[in-house]
Amino acid sequence: MIDSTDIRDDLYYWLALRRVEGIGAVYCKKLIDAFHGPKAVFSASSEELQGVGGIAGTLADRIKDFGGFDDAQNEIEKIRKEGIGIVTLTDARYPALLKRIADPPPFLYTKGLPDTPVERCIAVVGTRFPSPYGGRVTEDIVLELIARGFTIVSGMAKGVDAVAQRTALLHKGHTVAIWGTGLDRAYPAENARLAQDIARYGLILTEYPLGTPPLETNFPERNRIISGMSLAVIVTEASLNSGTMITVSHALDQGREVFAVPGPIDAMMSQGTNRLIKQGGGMVDTVDSLIAELEVLAPRSPARRADLPREQADVLSALEAGTMDLDTLISRLKIDTAKVMSILTEMELNGLVKQLPGKRFMRME
């Protein structure tokens, strides 16, 4: 929530600075880096402003002559009324990886659970028209990712994006949706229920103010956030001309790893992924090998198990390799079936493990 000190001392000036004509994400970051906050930008002299790389006299004059402070104040009242939060570049909650790209959003409008983890994010993206194979592979990959503690990032578009985020929610994983609209404009409309679920159990982020419609130009800009806050981008299915390829382009520019799922050579929705692999992208040949590569990028801190009974700690250790069926788990633990089921039931009640279809189990901590 936004308190009264935010209104005049900080947030007010963030919103005002973003409204200055000609101040985009790149210039905004340069100014914040130079003056350590938006209020100081408006207090700076024209000469001081022009000392920042790329800020010409005309742009410095626009900052000095800015008259849209009332609009900034009105926006504060709107977002406060809607219960929307804002995380700025100088806020410790701002995604650390995103902050390092060349053009991070000066601030992000937020809706949902503010404590959603954003440190170990993986983007899962693809076509709006996945085949049954593409949908199944997306689900399989997401299940293993959330079992390993990764947060799923996507754009909540129809198709692969929606499959990835629904799967994460269904199995109590973490997910973040990046919108190309204001937080009052869920898009596409068919995903309105998914938007409600993510707002309740995950997190929605956007750089666009309330009322922003789904303009075509917004989504390529939005895609840089999807890749920018993620350790890697996984493409499960995409045609050559898919908008997914824009996300891939951003990811490569940002130095992110890109992985692609191969598909039939005669399938249009595999042409994009197959080309990515041909051009040097990581090939997802098995889910286990993919997870192994991702763990190298972001090894998870060892789980704290000092207070757990030994049998429960052993279960978590066994499930570190990913999901496991009941028979394999029993064999690995060398405990009789009834005892293992009792342990698993208690752990599931405590939120430590999750049972999946087919009597498979995954760790949740």
Protein backbone atom coordinates (compact mmCIF):
# COMPACT_ATOMS: atom_id res chain seq x y z
CA MET A 1 0.00 0.00 0.00
CA ILE A 2 1.07 3.60 -0.58
CA ASP A 3 1.41 5.75 2.50
CA SER A 4 1.34 9.53 2.83
CA THR A 5 5.12 9.89 2.87
CA ASP A 6 5.32 8.18 -0.53
CA ILE A 7 2.91 10.71 -2.03
CA ARG A 8 5.02 13.85 -1.68
CA ASP A 9 8.52 12.63 -0.93
CA ASP A 10 9.10 9.97 -3.56
CA LEU A 11 6.34 8.34 -5.58
CA TYR A 12 4.87 11.68 -6.61
CA TYR A 13 8.15 12.59 -8.34
CA TRP A 14 8.62 9.17 -9.90
CA LEU A 15 5.25 9.48 -11.62
CA ALA A 16 5.95 13.05 -12.64
CA LEU A 17 9.36 12.26 -14.14
CA ARG A 18 7.92 9.45 -16.27
CA ARG A 19 5.39 11.93 -17.65
CA VAL A 20 7.99 14.36 -18.98
CA GLU A 21 7.91 14.22 -22.77
CA GLY A 22 11.05 12.55 -24.07
CA ILE A 23 11.95 10.78 -20.81
CA GLY A 24 11.87 7.09 -21.57
CA ALA A 25 13.26 4.19 -19.60
CA VAL A 26 16.89 4.77 -20.63
CA TYR A 27 16.98 8.51 -19.83
CA CYS A 28 15.06 7.95 -16.63
CA LYS A 29 17.64 5.44 -15.42
CA LYS A 30 20.50 7.81 -16.33
CA LEU A 31 18.88 10.63 -14.38
CA ILE A 32 18.15 8.48 -11.35
CA ASP A 33 21.71 7.15 -11.36
CA ALA A 34 23.05 10.70 -11.57
CA PHE A 35 20.81 12.37 -8.98
CA HIS A 36 19.91 9.35 -6.78
CA GLY A 37 16.20 10.01 -6.88
CA PRO A 38 13.47 11.71 -8.93
CA LYS A 39 12.90 14.65 -6.59
CA ALA A 40 16.52 15.76 -7.03
CA VAL A 41 16.09 15.63 -10.82
CA PHE A 42 13.42 18.32 -10.66
CA SER A 43 15.57 20.36 -8.29
CA ALA A 44 18.64 20.24 -10.54
CA SER A 45 19.68 23.20 -12.68
CA SER A 46 19.54 23.05 -16.46
CA GLU A 47 23.33 22.87 -16.55
CA GLU A 48 23.39 19.95 -14.13
CA LEU A 49 20.75 18.12 -16.16
CA GLN A 50 22.72 18.59 -19.36
CA GLY A 51 25.71 17.06 -17.61
CA VAL A 52 23.93 13.71 -17.83
CA GLY A 53 24.79 11.87 -21.03
CA GLY A 54 22.26 12.40 -23.80
CA ILE A 55 20.21 15.06 -22.00
CA ALA A 56 20.16 17.98 -24.41
CA GLY A 57 19.06 21.52 -23.62
CA THR A 58 15.56 20.97 -25.02
CA LEU A 59 14.96 17.96 -22.79
CA ALA A 60 16.44 19.75 -19.77
CA ASP A 61 14.01 22.62 -20.39
CA ARG A 62 11.08 20.19 -20.49
CA ILE A 63 12.07 18.88 -17.08
CA LYS A 64 12.44 22.40 -15.65
CA ASP A 65 9.15 23.57 -17.19
CA PHE A 66 7.14 20.42 -16.41
CA GLY A 67 3.59 21.27 -15.47
CA GLY A 68 1.98 17.87 -15.03
CA PHE A 69 2.35 17.47 -11.30
CA ASP A 70 -1.43 17.50 -10.80
CA ASP A 71 -1.69 14.53 -13.16
CA ALA A 72 0.86 12.66 -11.06
CA GLN A 73 -1.15 13.42 -7.93
CA ASN A 74 -4.35 12.23 -9.59
CA GLU A 75 -2.68 8.98 -10.58
CA ILE A 76 -1.59 8.39 -7.01
CA GLU A 77 -5.18 8.72 -5.87
CA LYS A 78 -6.33 6.22 -8.53
CA ILE A 79 -3.79 3.53 -7.70
CA ARG A 80 -4.38 3.96 -3.98
CA LYS A 81 -8.11 3.48 -4.55
CA GLU A 82 -7.48 0.32 -6.60
CA GLY A 83 -5.07 -1.16 -4.05
CA ILE A 84 -2.22 -1.21 -6.55
CA GLY A 85 1.39 -1.03 -5.47
CA ILE A 86 4.44 0.48 -7.12
CA VAL A 87 8.01 -0.75 -6.91
CA THR A 88 10.67 1.70 -8.10
CA LEU A 89 14.21 1.20 -9.36
CA THR A 90 15.64 2.25 -6.01
CA ASP A 91 13.38 -0.10 -4.04
CA ALA A 92 15.01 -3.25 -2.64
CA ARG A 93 11.98 -5.23 -3.86
CA TYR A 94 12.65 -4.35 -7.51
CA PRO A 95 13.75 -7.51 -9.39
CA ALA A 96 17.54 -7.49 -9.24
CA LEU A 97 18.16 -8.98 -12.68
CA LEU A 98 15.73 -6.59 -14.34
CA LYS A 99 17.49 -3.63 -12.77
CA ARG A 100 20.67 -4.54 -14.66
CA ILE A 101 19.31 -4.35 -18.21
CA ALA A 102 19.95 -1.26 -20.34
CA ASP A 103 16.37 0.00 -20.20
CA PRO A 104 14.61 -1.20 -17.04
CA PRO A 105 11.19 0.29 -16.30
CA PRO A 106 11.64 3.20 -13.83
CA PHE A 107 8.92 1.59 -11.74
CA LEU A 108 6.47 -1.28 -11.94
CA TYR A 109 2.81 -1.27 -11.01
CA THR A 110 2.07 -4.39 -8.95
CA LYS A 111 -0.96 -6.45 -8.06
CA GLY A 112 -1.00 -9.69 -6.10
CA LEU A 113 1.24 -11.19 -3.46
CA PRO A 114 4.16 -8.80 -2.85
CA ASP A 115 6.29 -11.59 -1.35
CA THR A 116 6.21 -13.69 -4.53
CA PRO A 117 9.85 -14.74 -5.09
CA VAL A 118 11.52 -12.98 -8.02
CA GLU A 119 15.13 -14.11 -7.47
CA ARG A 120 15.05 -17.42 -9.39
CA CYS A 121 12.74 -16.70 -12.32
CA ILE A 122 12.51 -18.67 -15.55
CA ALA A 123 10.48 -17.38 -18.51
CA VAL A 124 8.33 -19.98 -20.27
CA VAL A 125 6.88 -18.65 -23.52
CA GLY A 126 5.61 -19.80 -26.88
CA THR A 127 2.89 -19.82 -29.46
CA ARG A 128 -0.70 -18.81 -28.86
CA PHE A 129 -1.75 -21.99 -30.67
CA PRO A 130 0.15 -24.89 -29.10
CA SER A 131 -0.27 -28.43 -30.31
CA PRO A 132 -1.16 -31.15 -27.80
CA TYR A 133 2.58 -31.95 -27.75
CA GLY A 134 3.47 -28.33 -27.00
CA GLY A 135 0.93 -28.10 -24.22
CA ARG A 136 2.06 -31.36 -22.65
CA VAL A 137 5.75 -30.45 -22.79
CA THR A 138 5.02 -27.02 -21.30
CA GLU A 139 3.21 -28.62 -18.37
CA ASP A 140 6.00 -31.14 -17.80
CA ILE A 141 8.69 -28.46 -17.80
CA VAL A 142 6.76 -26.14 -15.48
CA LEU A 143 6.07 -28.96 -13.01
CA GLU A 144 9.78 -29.67 -12.72
CA LEU A 145 10.68 -25.99 -12.50
CA ILE A 146 8.34 -25.27 -9.62
CA ALA A 147 9.44 -28.46 -7.90
CA ARG A 148 12.96 -27.01 -7.93
CA GLY A 149 11.82 -23.70 -6.52
CA PHE A 150 11.87 -21.61 -9.69
CA THR A 151 9.29 -18.88 -10.32
CA ILE A 152 7.53 -19.04 -13.70
CA VAL A 153 7.42 -15.76 -15.63
CA SER A 154 5.28 -15.27 -18.71
CA GLY A 155 3.00 -12.80 -20.43
CA MET A 156 -0.40 -14.40 -19.71
CA ALA A 157 -1.09 -14.58 -23.44
CA LYS A 158 -3.34 -17.33 -24.71
CA GLY A 159 -1.60 -20.58 -25.54
CA VAL A 160 1.76 -21.56 -24.05
CA ASP A 161 1.91 -18.58 -21.66
CA ALA A 162 -1.47 -19.44 -20.16
CA VAL A 163 -0.66 -23.16 -19.94
CA ALA A 164 2.58 -22.40 -18.10
CA GLN A 165 0.98 -20.06 -15.59
CA ARG A 166 -2.11 -22.17 -14.98
CA THR A 167 0.11 -25.20 -14.36
CA ALA A 168 2.19 -23.26 -11.85
CA LEU A 169 -0.91 -22.10 -9.98
CA LEU A 170 -2.60 -25.50 -10.07
CA HIS A 171 0.39 -27.11 -8.39
CA LYS A 172 1.02 -24.29 -5.92
CA GLY A 173 4.10 -22.94 -7.63
CA HIS A 174 5.05 -19.28 -7.95
CA THR A 175 4.26 -17.31 -11.09
CA VAL A 176 4.59 -13.71 -12.29
CA ALA A 177 2.57 -12.30 -15.21
CA ILE A 178 3.95 -9.34 -17.14
CA TRP A 179 1.24 -7.29 -18.80
CA GLY A 180 1.33 -4.95 -21.77
CA THR A 181 -1.69 -3.04 -20.44
CA GLY A 182 -2.73 -1.23 -17.30
CA LEU A 183 -3.66 -3.40 -14.33
CA ASP A 184 -7.33 -2.62 -14.90
CA ARG A 185 -7.25 -4.07 -18.45
CA ALA A 186 -6.77 -7.85 -18.35
CA TYR A 187 -5.75 -9.02 -21.80
CA PRO A 188 -6.74 -11.18 -23.54
CA ALA A 189 -10.29 -11.12 -22.17
CA GLU A 190 -10.51 -14.92 -22.30
CA ASN A 191 -7.82 -15.05 -19.61
CA ALA A 192 -9.73 -12.84 -17.17
CA ARG A 193 -10.18 -15.75 -14.74
CA LEU A 194 -6.48 -16.57 -14.98
CA ALA A 195 -5.70 -12.92 -14.22
CA GLN A 196 -7.84 -13.12 -11.07
CA ASP A 197 -6.08 -16.29 -9.97
CA ILE A 198 -2.61 -14.83 -10.52
CA ALA A 199 -3.58 -11.68 -8.62
CA ARG A 200 -4.73 -13.88 -5.73
CA TYR A 201 -1.91 -16.44 -5.65
CA GLY A 202 0.93 -14.88 -7.66
CA LEU A 203 1.99 -11.48 -8.92
CA ILE A 204 1.16 -9.24 -11.88
CA LEU A 205 3.58 -6.54 -13.03
CA THR A 206 3.32 -3.84 -15.68
CA GLU A 207 5.07 -0.61 -16.54
CA TYR A 208 1.87 0.88 -17.95
CA PRO A 209 -0.51 3.09 -15.94
CA LEU A 210 -4.16 2.35 -15.28
CA GLY A 211 -6.32 2.70 -18.35
CA THR A 212 -3.61 1.69 -20.84
CA PRO A 213 -5.27 -0.43 -23.56
CA PRO A 214 -3.62 -3.40 -25.33
CA LEU A 215 -1.75 -1.33 -27.91
CA GLU A 216 0.27 -3.39 -30.37
CA THR A 217 3.46 -1.45 -29.60
CA ASN A 218 3.25 -2.26 -25.89
CA PHE A 219 3.90 -5.97 -26.18
CA PRO A 220 7.39 -5.93 -27.71
CA GLU A 221 8.35 -3.50 -24.91
CA ARG A 222 6.68 -5.75 -22.37
CA ASN A 223 8.71 -8.73 -23.59
CA ARG A 224 12.00 -7.16 -22.48
CA ILE A 225 10.69 -7.35 -18.91
CA ILE A 226 9.80 -11.03 -19.24
CA SER A 227 13.35 -11.88 -20.33
CA GLY A 228 15.01 -9.19 -18.25
CA MET A 229 13.86 -10.52 -14.89
CA SER A 230 14.53 -14.15 -15.83
CA LEU A 231 17.67 -16.23 -15.61
CA ALA A 232 16.71 -18.00 -18.83
CA VAL A 233 13.97 -18.16 -21.44
CA ILE A 234 12.41 -21.49 -22.45
CA VAL A 235 10.48 -21.66 -25.72
CA THR A 236 8.31 -24.75 -26.02
CA GLU A 237 6.66 -24.06 -29.39
CA ALA A 238 6.78 -21.08 -31.75
CA SER A 239 6.53 -20.29 -35.43
CA LEU A 240 9.23 -18.31 -37.21
CA ASN A 241 7.23 -15.08 -37.06
CA SER A 242 5.91 -15.55 -33.54
CA GLY A 243 6.01 -12.67 -31.08
CA THR A 244 7.90 -15.10 -28.90
CA MET A 245 10.94 -14.42 -31.08
CA ILE A 246 10.91 -10.81 -29.86
CA THR A 247 11.28 -12.11 -26.31
CA VAL A 248 14.16 -14.31 -27.50
CA SER A 249 15.82 -11.32 -29.16
CA HIS A 250 15.58 -9.33 -25.93
CA ALA A 251 16.95 -12.28 -23.98
CA LEU A 252 20.01 -12.59 -26.22
CA ASP A 253 20.66 -8.84 -26.04
CA GLN A 254 20.45 -9.06 -22.26
CA GLY A 255 22.84 -11.99 -22.06
CA ARG A 256 20.20 -14.48 -20.94
CA GLU A 257 20.28 -18.19 -21.76
CA VAL A 258 17.70 -19.40 -24.29
CA PHE A 259 16.44 -22.98 -24.45
CA ALA A 260 14.12 -24.45 -27.07
CA VAL A 261 12.09 -27.64 -27.33
CA PRO A 262 12.64 -29.45 -30.65
CA GLY A 263 9.64 -30.55 -32.66
CA PRO A 264 8.64 -32.25 -35.92
CA ILE A 265 10.35 -30.69 -38.95
CA ASP A 266 7.01 -30.42 -40.77
CA ALA A 267 5.19 -28.65 -37.91
CA MET A 268 4.86 -24.89 -38.32
CA MET A 269 4.87 -24.34 -34.56
CA SER A 270 8.24 -26.08 -34.29
CA GLN A 271 9.97 -24.05 -36.98
CA GLY A 272 10.91 -21.28 -34.58
CA THR A 273 12.22 -23.59 -31.88
CA ASN A 274 14.12 -25.78 -34.33
CA ARG A 275 15.79 -22.73 -35.82
CA LEU A 276 16.77 -21.49 -32.38
CA ILE A 277 18.49 -24.80 -31.74
CA LYS A 278 20.21 -24.66 -35.14
CA GLN A 279 21.48 -21.18 -34.32
CA GLY A 280 23.00 -22.28 -31.04
CA GLY A 281 20.19 -22.16 -28.52
CA GLY A 282 20.11 -24.82 -25.83
CA MET A 283 18.15 -27.88 -26.89
CA VAL A 284 15.71 -29.33 -24.38
CA ASP A 285 16.24 -33.03 -25.04
CA THR A 286 15.04 -34.10 -21.60
CA VAL A 287 13.48 -32.17 -18.75
CA ASP A 288 16.11 -33.50 -16.34
CA SER A 289 18.99 -32.16 -18.44
CA LEU A 290 17.26 -28.78 -18.71
CA ILE A 291 16.85 -28.56 -14.94
CA ALA A 292 20.49 -29.50 -14.46
CA GLU A 293 21.60 -26.62 -16.70
CA LEU A 294 19.30 -24.16 -14.96
CA GLU A 295 20.57 -25.19 -11.54
CA VAL A 296 24.07 -24.26 -12.70
CA LEU A 297 22.76 -20.75 -13.50
CA ALA A 298 21.12 -20.39 -10.09
CA PRO A 299 21.93 -23.07 -7.53
CA ARG A 300 19.33 -23.17 -4.81
CA SER A 301 20.40 -22.58 -1.24
CA PRO A 302 20.38 -25.80 0.74
CA ALA A 303 17.07 -26.42 2.47
CA ARG A 304 17.05 -26.00 6.23
CA ARG A 305 16.08 -29.37 7.62
CA ALA A 306 17.50 -29.29 11.12
CA ASP A 307 14.05 -29.31 12.70
CA LEU A 308 12.55 -31.99 10.44
CA PRO A 309 12.28 -35.65 11.44
CA ARG A 310 14.95 -37.72 9.73
CA GLU A 311 12.44 -39.56 7.51
CA GLN A 312 11.01 -36.27 6.19
CA ALA A 313 14.48 -34.89 5.51
CA ASP A 314 15.26 -38.10 3.60
CA VAL A 315 12.13 -37.63 1.47
CA LEU A 316 13.17 -34.08 0.57
CA SER A 317 16.64 -35.29 -0.34
CA ALA A 318 15.19 -37.98 -2.59
CA LEU A 319 12.95 -35.46 -4.33
CA GLU A 320 15.79 -33.02 -5.04
CA ALA A 321 16.25 -34.69 -8.43
CA GLY A 322 12.69 -33.72 -9.41
CA THR A 323 9.33 -35.48 -9.29
CA MET A 324 9.33 -39.15 -8.35
CA ASP A 325 6.72 -41.90 -8.45
CA LEU A 326 5.73 -43.68 -5.26
CA ASP A 327 7.37 -47.02 -6.09
CA THR A 328 10.72 -45.39 -6.86
CA LEU A 329 10.51 -43.32 -3.70
CA ILE A 330 9.81 -46.40 -1.58
CA SER A 331 12.75 -48.19 -3.18
CA ARG A 332 15.02 -45.20 -2.62
CA LEU A 333 14.06 -44.77 1.05
CA LYS A 334 14.03 -48.50 1.88
CA ILE A 335 10.96 -48.04 4.10
CA ASP A 336 7.74 -50.05 3.85
CA THR A 337 4.85 -48.66 1.83
CA ALA A 338 2.55 -47.84 4.76
CA LYS A 339 5.26 -45.87 6.53
CA VAL A 340 6.18 -43.90 3.40
CA MET A 341 2.52 -43.03 2.76
CA SER A 342 2.15 -41.84 6.35
CA ILE A 343 5.25 -39.63 6.03
CA LEU A 344 4.08 -38.20 2.70
CA THR A 345 0.60 -37.44 4.04
CA GLU A 346 2.02 -35.48 6.95
CA MET A 347 4.45 -33.63 4.70
CA GLU A 348 1.69 -32.75 2.24
CA LEU A 349 -0.44 -31.34 5.07
CA ASN A 350 2.55 -29.21 6.10
CA GLY A 351 3.11 -27.96 2.56
CA LEU A 352 6.46 -29.71 2.11
CA VAL A 353 5.48 -32.01 -0.75
CA LYS A 354 2.75 -32.12 -3.38
CA GLN A 355 1.13 -35.22 -4.87
CA LEU A 356 0.72 -35.15 -8.65
CA PRO A 357 -1.39 -37.37 -10.92
CA GLY A 358 -0.08 -40.92 -11.26
CA LYS A 359 1.09 -41.09 -7.63
CA ARG A 360 4.07 -38.86 -8.34
CA PHE A 361 5.41 -36.48 -5.72
CA MET A 362 7.38 -33.25 -5.80
CA ARG A 363 8.94 -31.13 -3.09
CA MET A 364 7.45 -27.73 -2.37
CA GLU A 365 9.98 -26.18 0.02
